[in-house]
Every structure is written in C-alpha cells, then in structure tokens.
Amino acid sequence: MLSIKNIAIAFVFLAFLSISAQPKIDVVGGQNCDWGKISPKDNPLKKDVVIRNSGNQKLIVKNVKPTCGCTTAPLEKSELEPGESTKLKVTLNIGGTSGPITKYINIESNDPSTPLFVLNLKANVVRALEVTPTTFLTFTDLQVGLESKATLKIKNTTSKPITITDAEIAPALMTINIKKGKVIKPGETFELVAKIRPNQKGALNLRVKLTTNDPDLPDLTINGYGNVKESPFFNSN
C-alpha cells in the first residue's frame, strides 16, 4: 500500500513530467526580422523565417496573422514533431513608404509558455527622392472650369545630383512645373506644383511619373484623386 509520502512524490513527479512534456515554438533569428537599409528597387522584401519545435511534444501552429495588408506570410507546415522545422515565407510590400517601418506578424500555437509569438518586421526605406508631406497629390474643391492646385515637396537625399530624364502626366489637362532635364541638386528640396482645370464633373484620377538617371530610383510615380463638382459659373454639358 502506498504511503502518503510516496503518493506525494508520485504526484510531484507526474506534475514535473506534465510541465516538461510540452511543445516549444522557436523562431530562428529571434523576434526581429530586419532587412536594414533598403531601396525601392528591393521591393517587395522577402525572407524565409524558420520555425522550429524545440519541445518534446507536437507543436501546432494554429494561426499566422499579419497585422497589415501589405504583408503575406504563408506557412509551409502547421504541425511539427519535436525537433522538426518549417518555413514562414514572409513578403512585405513597402509601397510608397520612406524611412523606418515596422510591421507585425502574430503567430498563435499550442506552446503553453508562448501561445502568441509576435514577429517584428523591420526595414529602413531610403529613397533617392523623398516625397513629403505625403506621396499623394490631393486636390480639394475641384470644380468644372476652375483651376485647382496641389503641391508636394521632393527632396534629393543623396550626395549626387539627380536628373529628371522624362516627365509623364495624366490626364493631359494637368500641368506640372517640372520638365525633362530638370536637375535636383544633392540635399535640395524642390516644390512640385500640379495644376488642373477640369472640364467635366465626376471622379478624377491623376498620375505624375518622373523618370530619373538614378539607378536606385529609375522612376517615381505620384498618384492623385479628386472629385469634380459642377461650378455655378461653368456648365460641363
């Protein structure tokens, strides 16, 4: 017959086995996936992140959820035996972003000690031509027959001059103050001025595409949108 002491020892032993027998998620490289300094030509950013089960029970990855629509992260395999690994194929689209960026991927598993592992995606986007305060042309109060203006600032962040080798605009009604052959000096900030006089009401999509001689930024596209209203002074019909 087991004594109370033996029962207690057995209980402690079983509890120890229960605690020690568990899956363990291990993301190779740690919590940060950092591309460092990158240029627009590196877009989209891609990396295979290795996930390993360093525990002694089966690891089940229940859910992988990026917190931004610019990120995808399909998992090759969701159930891992002890010691087994798989790949999380991460793709990050930087879009028109400049400067340091951080995105997140939430990884949920049956690891009792880390049920939610947050993977940080980091990069520092360095653009030869930096557009501020936004990367979008914003026209307000667009009316038929009346001229409207939108401005942005374009800065040469490099140590060499950048030449605009071509400039395309759409629609043809729009004009800009930058022409083919324009040179933006190192560190110089140039104000881009776009003007348009709409001839009909409705939605208006706009685009400025600048081609440059910089190998890291062969072209710079700036989009815009506006809603043209009727004017009390002009009739679009």
Protein backbone atom coordinates (compact mmCIF):
# COMPACT_ATOMS: atom_id res chain seq x y z
CA MET A 1 0.00 0.00 0.00
CA LEU A 2 1.34 3.42 -0.99
CA SER A 3 2.12 5.79 1.82
CA ILE A 4 1.05 9.42 1.76
CA LYS A 5 4.70 10.34 1.24
CA ASN A 6 5.01 8.08 -1.81
CA ILE A 7 1.76 9.42 -3.24
CA ALA A 8 3.06 12.97 -2.83
CA ILE A 9 6.34 12.09 -4.52
CA ALA A 10 4.47 10.41 -7.38
CA PHE A 11 2.21 13.44 -7.76
CA VAL A 12 5.20 15.80 -7.90
CA PHE A 13 6.91 13.52 -10.44
CA LEU A 14 3.82 13.41 -12.66
CA ALA A 15 3.45 17.18 -12.38
CA PHE A 16 7.09 17.58 -13.42
CA LEU A 17 6.55 15.31 -16.41
CA SER A 18 3.46 17.30 -17.36
CA ILE A 19 5.36 20.57 -17.22
CA SER A 20 8.46 19.29 -19.02
CA ALA A 21 6.48 17.47 -21.74
CA GLN A 22 5.28 20.28 -23.98
CA PRO A 23 5.78 21.82 -27.41
CA LYS A 24 8.08 24.81 -27.71
CA ILE A 25 8.00 27.32 -30.57
CA ASP A 26 11.43 28.56 -31.59
CA VAL A 27 11.75 31.20 -34.32
CA VAL A 28 15.28 31.10 -35.69
CA GLY A 29 16.81 34.56 -35.54
CA GLY A 30 14.56 35.71 -32.71
CA GLN A 31 11.69 38.14 -32.62
CA ASN A 32 13.03 40.62 -35.20
CA CYS A 33 13.23 40.13 -38.96
CA ASP A 34 15.26 43.17 -40.06
CA TRP A 35 16.23 43.93 -43.66
CA GLY A 36 18.20 47.01 -42.63
CA LYS A 37 18.61 49.80 -45.19
CA ILE A 38 16.82 49.07 -48.45
CA SER A 39 15.92 50.98 -51.61
CA PRO A 40 12.67 50.93 -53.64
CA LYS A 41 14.20 48.52 -56.16
CA ASP A 42 14.33 45.89 -53.37
CA ASN A 43 10.52 45.87 -53.16
CA PRO A 44 8.87 43.56 -52.29
CA LEU A 45 11.01 42.39 -49.39
CA LYS A 46 11.14 38.62 -48.96
CA LYS A 47 12.55 36.26 -46.35
CA ASP A 48 12.07 32.66 -45.28
CA VAL A 49 11.70 32.62 -41.49
CA VAL A 50 12.43 29.21 -39.95
CA ILE A 51 10.13 27.98 -37.18
CA ARG A 52 11.34 25.01 -35.12
CA ASN A 53 9.70 22.87 -32.47
CA SER A 54 12.35 22.70 -29.74
CA GLY A 55 9.97 20.97 -27.32
CA ASN A 56 9.23 17.27 -26.81
CA GLN A 57 5.57 17.26 -27.87
CA LYS A 58 3.92 18.06 -31.19
CA LEU A 59 3.76 21.80 -31.95
CA ILE A 60 0.61 23.00 -33.69
CA VAL A 61 0.65 26.47 -35.28
CA LYS A 62 -2.99 27.47 -35.07
CA ASN A 63 -2.90 30.80 -36.86
CA VAL A 64 -0.48 33.14 -38.64
CA LYS A 65 -1.89 36.63 -38.97
CA PRO A 66 -0.03 39.67 -40.40
CA THR A 67 -1.37 42.91 -38.93
CA CYS A 68 -1.07 44.78 -42.23
CA GLY A 69 -2.45 44.09 -45.70
CA CYS A 70 1.00 44.86 -47.13
CA THR A 71 2.33 41.62 -45.62
CA THR A 72 1.79 37.97 -46.53
CA ALA A 73 3.23 35.01 -44.64
CA PRO A 74 2.09 31.55 -45.78
CA LEU A 75 3.33 28.69 -43.60
CA GLU A 76 4.67 25.54 -45.29
CA LYS A 77 3.58 23.21 -42.46
CA SER A 78 1.44 23.85 -39.38
CA GLU A 79 2.18 20.70 -37.31
CA LEU A 80 5.74 19.97 -36.23
CA GLU A 81 7.07 16.96 -34.38
CA PRO A 82 9.81 17.53 -31.76
CA GLY A 83 12.94 18.82 -33.49
CA GLU A 84 11.12 19.44 -36.78
CA SER A 85 11.24 22.79 -38.65
CA THR A 86 9.21 24.61 -41.27
CA LYS A 87 9.36 27.92 -43.16
CA LEU A 88 7.25 31.03 -42.90
CA LYS A 89 7.57 32.67 -46.32
CA VAL A 90 7.34 36.39 -45.50
CA THR A 91 6.70 39.04 -48.16
CA LEU A 92 6.49 42.73 -47.27
CA ASN A 93 5.38 45.34 -49.82
CA ILE A 94 6.84 48.73 -48.85
CA GLY A 95 4.63 50.72 -51.25
CA GLY A 96 5.47 54.42 -51.15
CA THR A 97 6.81 54.33 -47.60
CA SER A 98 10.02 56.15 -46.68
CA GLY A 99 12.18 55.89 -43.58
CA PRO A 100 11.98 53.29 -40.78
CA ILE A 101 8.99 50.92 -40.93
CA THR A 102 7.83 48.20 -38.55
CA LYS A 103 5.12 45.62 -39.24
CA TYR A 104 3.99 42.64 -37.19
CA ILE A 105 3.00 39.01 -37.68
CA ASN A 106 1.09 37.25 -34.88
CA ILE A 107 1.85 33.53 -34.64
CA GLU A 108 -0.54 31.52 -32.44
CA SER A 109 0.38 27.99 -31.35
CA ASN A 110 -0.23 25.36 -28.66
CA ASP A 111 3.03 26.28 -26.90
CA PRO A 112 1.72 26.87 -23.34
CA SER A 113 4.59 29.21 -22.45
CA THR A 114 4.28 31.34 -25.63
CA PRO A 115 0.77 30.95 -27.06
CA LEU A 116 1.26 34.17 -29.05
CA PHE A 117 4.61 34.90 -30.67
CA VAL A 118 4.91 38.34 -32.28
CA LEU A 119 7.39 38.57 -35.15
CA ASN A 120 8.58 42.11 -35.87
CA LEU A 121 9.34 43.03 -39.48
CA LYS A 122 11.69 45.99 -39.83
CA ALA A 123 13.32 47.94 -42.64
CA ASN A 124 14.66 51.41 -43.30
CA VAL A 125 13.49 52.60 -46.71
CA VAL A 126 15.96 55.05 -48.22
CA ARG A 127 14.70 56.80 -51.34
CA ALA A 128 16.90 58.90 -53.59
CA LEU A 129 13.94 61.26 -54.00
CA GLU A 130 11.79 61.63 -50.90
CA VAL A 131 8.25 62.97 -51.36
CA THR A 132 6.62 64.84 -48.45
CA PRO A 133 4.36 65.51 -46.61
CA THR A 134 2.51 62.67 -48.38
CA THR A 135 3.13 60.63 -51.51
CA PHE A 136 -0.29 61.54 -52.89
CA LEU A 137 -1.49 64.55 -54.86
CA THR A 138 -4.50 65.99 -53.09
CA PHE A 139 -6.77 68.41 -54.93
CA THR A 140 -9.54 70.00 -52.88
CA ASP A 141 -12.65 71.82 -54.05
CA LEU A 142 -12.37 70.71 -57.67
CA GLN A 143 -14.96 72.47 -59.83
CA VAL A 144 -15.64 72.47 -63.56
CA GLY A 145 -13.78 75.28 -65.32
CA LEU A 146 -11.91 76.45 -62.23
CA GLU A 147 -8.18 75.88 -61.74
CA SER A 148 -7.09 73.90 -58.70
CA LYS A 149 -3.58 73.37 -57.39
CA ALA A 150 -1.79 70.67 -55.38
CA THR A 151 1.78 70.81 -54.10
CA LEU A 152 4.31 68.32 -52.79
CA LYS A 153 7.96 68.58 -51.84
CA ILE A 154 10.61 66.38 -53.46
CA LYS A 155 13.99 66.12 -51.74
CA ASN A 156 17.21 64.68 -53.13
CA THR A 157 18.52 62.63 -50.19
CA THR A 158 21.70 61.51 -51.99
CA SER A 159 25.13 63.10 -52.33
CA LYS A 160 24.86 63.42 -56.11
CA PRO A 161 22.63 65.41 -58.48
CA ILE A 162 19.60 63.62 -59.92
CA THR A 163 18.31 64.47 -63.39
CA ILE A 164 14.69 64.09 -64.40
CA THR A 165 15.02 62.42 -67.81
CA ASP A 166 11.30 62.35 -68.57
CA ALA A 167 8.00 63.52 -67.08
CA GLU A 168 4.62 61.98 -67.88
CA ILE A 169 1.29 63.27 -66.61
CA ALA A 170 -2.29 62.08 -66.78
CA PRO A 171 -4.77 63.44 -67.61
CA ALA A 172 -3.37 65.78 -70.24
CA LEU A 173 -5.38 68.63 -68.68
CA MET A 174 -2.95 68.68 -65.75
CA THR A 175 0.30 70.64 -65.81
CA ILE A 176 3.35 70.44 -63.56
CA ASN A 177 6.30 72.74 -63.03
CA ILE A 178 8.97 70.09 -63.62
CA LYS A 179 10.28 69.30 -67.09
CA LYS A 180 12.61 66.86 -68.77
CA GLY A 181 16.22 67.76 -67.94
CA LYS A 182 15.45 69.23 -64.52
CA VAL A 183 18.39 68.67 -62.13
CA ILE A 184 17.75 68.35 -58.40
CA LYS A 185 20.97 69.02 -56.51
CA PRO A 186 22.19 66.94 -53.54
CA GLY A 187 20.14 67.85 -50.46
CA GLU A 188 17.91 70.19 -52.48
CA THR A 189 14.16 70.28 -51.85
CA PHE A 190 12.04 71.09 -54.90
CA GLU A 191 8.37 72.04 -54.68
CA LEU A 192 6.28 70.14 -57.21
CA VAL A 193 3.24 72.18 -58.26
CA ALA A 194 0.45 70.43 -60.15
CA LYS A 195 -2.44 72.41 -61.63
CA ILE A 196 -5.61 71.32 -63.36
CA ARG A 197 -8.74 72.96 -64.75
CA PRO A 198 -11.39 70.19 -65.01
CA ASN A 199 -13.80 70.33 -67.94
CA GLN A 200 -16.39 67.90 -66.58
CA LYS A 201 -17.71 66.71 -63.24
CA GLY A 202 -17.08 63.31 -61.70
CA ALA A 203 -14.21 61.25 -60.33
CA LEU A 204 -10.74 62.26 -61.47
CA ASN A 205 -7.67 60.02 -61.29
CA LEU A 206 -4.29 61.69 -61.67
CA ARG A 207 -0.73 60.47 -62.12
CA VAL A 208 2.71 62.02 -62.38
CA LYS A 209 5.54 59.71 -63.45
CA LEU A 210 9.08 61.06 -63.27
CA THR A 211 11.91 59.08 -64.87
CA THR A 212 15.38 59.70 -63.41
CA ASN A 213 19.02 58.84 -64.08
CA ASP A 214 19.42 57.32 -60.61
CA PRO A 215 19.87 53.51 -60.76
CA ASP A 216 18.21 53.07 -57.36
CA LEU A 217 15.18 55.10 -58.43
CA PRO A 218 14.64 54.72 -62.20
CA ASP A 219 11.17 56.21 -61.88
CA LEU A 220 8.99 57.94 -59.32
CA THR A 221 5.20 57.68 -59.62
CA ILE A 222 2.89 60.01 -57.71
CA ASN A 223 -0.83 59.29 -57.86
CA GLY A 224 -3.75 61.51 -57.04
CA TYR A 225 -7.52 61.55 -56.91
CA GLY A 226 -10.22 64.16 -56.85
CA ASN A 227 -13.97 64.61 -57.19
CA VAL A 228 -15.00 67.36 -59.60
CA LYS A 229 -18.22 69.23 -58.82
CA GLU A 230 -20.33 71.48 -61.01
CA SER A 231 -19.43 75.15 -60.93
CA PRO A 232 -22.08 77.89 -60.71
CA PHE A 233 -20.11 79.73 -63.43
CA PHE A 234 -19.44 76.90 -65.89
CA ASN A 235 -21.56 74.20 -67.47
CA SER A 236 -19.85 70.89 -68.34
CA ASN A 237 -22.69 69.73 -70.59
